[in-house]
Amino acid sequence: MERLYIYNGALAVIGFSLGFPAVRSLIDGDHSIPVLLLAIGGSGMIVTAGYESLRTDPEEFNISATALFAVVGAACVILLGTILSTVSGI
């Protein structure tokens, strides 16, 4: 599998993990600036990851295995934190 798609998929997961709780809070009526910025930032990360996946040539994309592992690891940790936070109701 191409590293470009793994990298952008991990960034989309991070964006979803940041944006989903913020959008849920906005729907519930919490209209604070930090929540709004998280919703915009998370949505922006998802859109940008999709755009970059479509526009970038996978053969020209270059990232080290260590950096890719760090981004994928961060995506897994933040997704786990979002799931746990959602399930626990915090």
N, C-alpha and C. Protein backbone atom coordinates (compact mmCIF):
# COMPACT_ATOMS: atom_id res chain seq x y z
N MET A 1 0.84 -1.18 0.00
CA MET A 1 0.00 0.00 0.00
C MET A 1 0.89 1.24 0.00
N GLU A 2 0.43 2.27 -0.65
CA GLU A 2 1.20 3.49 -0.78
C GLU A 2 1.24 4.24 0.54
N ARG A 3 2.40 4.78 0.86
CA ARG A 3 2.55 5.53 2.11
C ARG A 3 1.70 6.79 2.13
N LEU A 4 1.47 7.37 0.96
CA LEU A 4 0.64 8.58 0.88
C LEU A 4 -0.74 8.33 1.45
N TYR A 5 -1.35 7.22 1.08
CA TYR A 5 -2.72 6.94 1.52
C TYR A 5 -2.77 6.57 3.00
N ILE A 6 -1.76 5.91 3.49
CA ILE A 6 -1.69 5.60 4.92
C ILE A 6 -1.54 6.89 5.72
N TYR A 7 -0.65 7.76 5.26
CA TYR A 7 -0.41 9.04 5.94
C TYR A 7 -1.67 9.91 5.95
N ASN A 8 -2.28 10.08 4.80
CA ASN A 8 -3.48 10.92 4.73
C ASN A 8 -4.66 10.28 5.45
N GLY A 9 -4.74 8.96 5.45
CA GLY A 9 -5.78 8.28 6.23
C GLY A 9 -5.61 8.53 7.72
N ALA A 10 -4.37 8.49 8.18
CA ALA A 10 -4.10 8.76 9.59
C ALA A 10 -4.44 10.20 9.94
N LEU A 11 -4.13 11.14 9.05
CA LEU A 11 -4.48 12.54 9.30
C LEU A 11 -6.00 12.73 9.31
N ALA A 12 -6.70 12.01 8.46
CA ALA A 12 -8.17 12.09 8.45
C ALA A 12 -8.74 11.53 9.76
N VAL A 13 -8.15 10.46 10.27
CA VAL A 13 -8.61 9.89 11.54
C VAL A 13 -8.37 10.89 12.67
N ILE A 14 -7.23 11.56 12.66
CA ILE A 14 -6.94 12.57 13.67
C ILE A 14 -7.95 13.71 13.57
N GLY A 15 -8.22 14.16 12.35
CA GLY A 15 -9.21 15.22 12.15
C GLY A 15 -10.59 14.82 12.61
N PHE A 16 -10.98 13.57 12.32
CA PHE A 16 -12.28 13.08 12.78
C PHE A 16 -12.32 13.02 14.31
N SER A 17 -11.24 12.56 14.91
CA SER A 17 -11.20 12.44 16.37
C SER A 17 -11.25 13.79 17.06
N LEU A 18 -10.74 14.82 16.41
CA LEU A 18 -10.83 16.17 16.96
C LEU A 18 -12.17 16.81 16.67
N GLY A 19 -12.67 16.61 15.46
CA GLY A 19 -13.87 17.29 15.04
C GLY A 19 -15.17 16.69 15.51
N PHE A 20 -15.25 15.37 15.63
CA PHE A 20 -16.50 14.72 16.01
C PHE A 20 -17.02 15.16 17.37
N PRO A 21 -16.19 15.13 18.43
CA PRO A 21 -16.71 15.60 19.72
C PRO A 21 -17.07 17.09 19.70
N ALA A 22 -16.32 17.88 18.94
CA ALA A 22 -16.61 19.31 18.86
C ALA A 22 -17.94 19.56 18.15
N VAL A 23 -18.18 18.86 17.07
CA VAL A 23 -19.45 19.02 16.35
C VAL A 23 -20.60 18.55 17.23
N ARG A 24 -20.39 17.47 17.96
CA ARG A 24 -21.42 16.98 18.88
C ARG A 24 -21.71 18.02 19.96
N SER A 25 -20.68 18.69 20.46
CA SER A 25 -20.89 19.74 21.46
C SER A 25 -21.61 20.94 20.86
N LEU A 26 -21.28 21.27 19.62
CA LEU A 26 -21.98 22.38 18.95
C LEU A 26 -23.46 22.06 18.79
N ILE A 27 -23.77 20.83 18.44
CA ILE A 27 -25.16 20.43 18.29
C ILE A 27 -25.90 20.48 19.63
N ASP A 28 -25.18 20.14 20.70
CA ASP A 28 -25.79 20.17 22.04
C ASP A 28 -25.94 21.58 22.59
N GLY A 29 -25.38 22.58 21.91
CA GLY A 29 -25.59 23.96 22.34
C GLY A 29 -24.38 24.65 22.92
N ASP A 30 -23.23 24.00 22.98
CA ASP A 30 -22.02 24.64 23.50
C ASP A 30 -21.36 25.41 22.35
N HIS A 31 -21.53 26.71 22.33
CA HIS A 31 -21.03 27.54 21.24
C HIS A 31 -19.82 28.36 21.68
N SER A 32 -18.86 27.72 22.30
CA SER A 32 -17.66 28.44 22.73
C SER A 32 -16.64 28.47 21.60
N ILE A 33 -15.70 29.37 21.71
CA ILE A 33 -14.68 29.54 20.67
C ILE A 33 -13.79 28.30 20.55
N PRO A 34 -13.30 27.68 21.64
CA PRO A 34 -12.47 26.48 21.47
C PRO A 34 -13.20 25.34 20.76
N VAL A 35 -14.47 25.15 21.08
CA VAL A 35 -15.24 24.09 20.43
C VAL A 35 -15.41 24.39 18.95
N LEU A 36 -15.68 25.64 18.63
CA LEU A 36 -15.83 26.04 17.23
C LEU A 36 -14.52 25.84 16.46
N LEU A 37 -13.40 26.22 17.07
CA LEU A 37 -12.10 26.05 16.41
C LEU A 37 -11.76 24.57 16.22
N LEU A 38 -12.08 23.73 17.20
CA LEU A 38 -11.84 22.29 17.04
C LEU A 38 -12.69 21.71 15.92
N ALA A 39 -13.93 22.14 15.81
CA ALA A 39 -14.80 21.65 14.74
C ALA A 39 -14.27 22.07 13.38
N ILE A 40 -13.86 23.31 13.26
CA ILE A 40 -13.32 23.80 11.99
C ILE A 40 -12.00 23.11 11.66
N GLY A 41 -11.13 22.98 12.64
CA GLY A 41 -9.84 22.34 12.42
C GLY A 41 -9.96 20.87 12.06
N GLY A 42 -10.82 20.15 12.77
CA GLY A 42 -11.02 18.73 12.46
C GLY A 42 -11.60 18.53 11.08
N SER A 43 -12.58 19.34 10.72
CA SER A 43 -13.18 19.25 9.39
C SER A 43 -12.16 19.62 8.32
N GLY A 44 -11.36 20.61 8.59
CA GLY A 44 -10.32 21.01 7.66
C GLY A 44 -9.28 19.93 7.43
N MET A 45 -8.93 19.22 8.49
CA MET A 45 -7.97 18.12 8.35
C MET A 45 -8.53 17.01 7.48
N ILE A 46 -9.80 16.69 7.65
CA ILE A 46 -10.43 15.64 6.86
C ILE A 46 -10.47 16.04 5.39
N VAL A 47 -10.91 17.25 5.11
CA VAL A 47 -11.00 17.73 3.73
C VAL A 47 -9.62 17.81 3.09
N THR A 48 -8.64 18.31 3.82
CA THR A 48 -7.29 18.44 3.28
C THR A 48 -6.67 17.07 3.01
N ALA A 49 -6.89 16.11 3.89
CA ALA A 49 -6.35 14.77 3.67
C ALA A 49 -6.95 14.15 2.42
N GLY A 50 -8.25 14.33 2.23
CA GLY A 50 -8.89 13.81 1.01
C GLY A 50 -8.37 14.50 -0.23
N TYR A 51 -8.24 15.81 -0.17
CA TYR A 51 -7.74 16.58 -1.31
C TYR A 51 -6.32 16.16 -1.67
N GLU A 52 -5.46 16.05 -0.67
CA GLU A 52 -4.08 15.65 -0.93
C GLU A 52 -3.99 14.23 -1.47
N SER A 53 -4.87 13.35 -1.04
CA SER A 53 -4.87 11.98 -1.57
C SER A 53 -5.22 11.97 -3.06
N LEU A 54 -6.10 12.87 -3.46
CA LEU A 54 -6.51 12.93 -4.86
C LEU A 54 -5.51 13.68 -5.73
N ARG A 55 -4.85 14.68 -5.19
CA ARG A 55 -4.01 15.56 -6.01
C ARG A 55 -2.53 15.20 -6.02
N THR A 56 -2.04 14.45 -5.05
CA THR A 56 -0.62 14.15 -4.95
C THR A 56 -0.32 12.83 -5.63
N ASP A 57 0.78 12.80 -6.35
CA ASP A 57 1.22 11.56 -6.99
C ASP A 57 1.87 10.67 -5.92
N PRO A 58 1.35 9.45 -5.74
CA PRO A 58 1.91 8.57 -4.70
C PRO A 58 3.38 8.24 -4.91
N GLU A 59 3.83 8.25 -6.14
CA GLU A 59 5.23 7.94 -6.42
C GLU A 59 6.16 9.07 -5.98
N GLU A 60 5.67 10.29 -5.96
CA GLU A 60 6.49 11.43 -5.57
C GLU A 60 6.45 11.72 -4.07
N PHE A 61 5.50 11.12 -3.37
CA PHE A 61 5.37 11.35 -1.92
C PHE A 61 6.49 10.62 -1.20
N ASN A 62 7.16 11.31 -0.30
CA ASN A 62 8.29 10.71 0.40
C ASN A 62 8.17 11.03 1.89
N ILE A 63 8.14 9.99 2.71
CA ILE A 63 8.11 10.14 4.16
C ILE A 63 8.88 8.95 4.74
N SER A 64 9.61 9.20 5.81
CA SER A 64 10.37 8.11 6.42
C SER A 64 9.42 7.15 7.15
N ALA A 65 9.88 5.95 7.34
CA ALA A 65 9.07 4.95 8.04
C ALA A 65 8.83 5.37 9.48
N THR A 66 9.80 6.02 10.10
CA THR A 66 9.65 6.48 11.48
C THR A 66 8.56 7.54 11.60
N ALA A 67 8.58 8.51 10.69
CA ALA A 67 7.56 9.56 10.72
C ALA A 67 6.18 8.99 10.43
N LEU A 68 6.09 8.06 9.49
CA LEU A 68 4.80 7.44 9.19
C LEU A 68 4.29 6.64 10.38
N PHE A 69 5.17 5.92 11.04
CA PHE A 69 4.79 5.16 12.23
C PHE A 69 4.31 6.09 13.34
N ALA A 70 4.96 7.26 13.48
CA ALA A 70 4.56 8.22 14.51
C ALA A 70 3.16 8.78 14.23
N VAL A 71 2.87 9.10 12.98
CA VAL A 71 1.56 9.65 12.64
C VAL A 71 0.48 8.60 12.81
N VAL A 72 0.74 7.37 12.38
CA VAL A 72 -0.25 6.29 12.54
C VAL A 72 -0.45 5.98 14.03
N GLY A 73 0.63 5.97 14.80
CA GLY A 73 0.51 5.75 16.24
C GLY A 73 -0.30 6.84 16.92
N ALA A 74 -0.06 8.09 16.53
CA ALA A 74 -0.83 9.20 17.09
C ALA A 74 -2.30 9.09 16.72
N ALA A 75 -2.59 8.67 15.50
CA ALA A 75 -3.98 8.50 15.07
C ALA A 75 -4.67 7.41 15.89
N CYS A 76 -3.96 6.33 16.15
CA CYS A 76 -4.55 5.24 16.96
C CYS A 76 -4.82 5.69 18.38
N VAL A 77 -3.87 6.42 18.97
CA VAL A 77 -4.03 6.87 20.36
C VAL A 77 -5.17 7.87 20.49
N ILE A 78 -5.24 8.84 19.58
CA ILE A 78 -6.29 9.85 19.67
C ILE A 78 -7.66 9.25 19.37
N LEU A 79 -7.71 8.28 18.46
CA LEU A 79 -8.99 7.61 18.18
C LEU A 79 -9.44 6.81 19.40
N LEU A 80 -8.52 6.12 20.05
CA LEU A 80 -8.86 5.38 21.27
C LEU A 80 -9.35 6.33 22.36
N GLY A 81 -8.69 7.47 22.51
CA GLY A 81 -9.12 8.46 23.50
C GLY A 81 -10.49 9.01 23.20
N THR A 82 -10.79 9.24 21.93
CA THR A 82 -12.11 9.74 21.55
C THR A 82 -13.18 8.70 21.82
N ILE A 83 -12.89 7.47 21.50
CA ILE A 83 -13.86 6.39 21.75
C ILE A 83 -14.11 6.25 23.25
N LEU A 84 -13.05 6.23 24.04
CA LEU A 84 -13.21 6.09 25.49
C LEU A 84 -13.96 7.28 26.08
N SER A 85 -13.66 8.48 25.60
CA SER A 85 -14.35 9.67 26.08
C SER A 85 -15.84 9.63 25.72
N THR A 86 -16.15 9.17 24.53
CA THR A 86 -17.54 9.09 24.09
C THR A 86 -18.31 8.04 24.88
N VAL A 87 -17.69 6.90 25.11
CA VAL A 87 -18.35 5.81 25.85
C VAL A 87 -18.54 6.17 27.31
N SER A 88 -17.55 6.83 27.90
CA SER A 88 -17.65 7.16 29.32
C SER A 88 -18.55 8.37 29.57
N GLY A 89 -18.82 9.17 28.55
CA GLY A 89 -19.71 10.31 28.71
C GLY A 89 -19.06 11.52 29.30
N ILE A 90 -17.76 11.60 29.29
CA ILE A 90 -17.05 12.76 29.84
C ILE A 90 -17.06 13.90 28.86
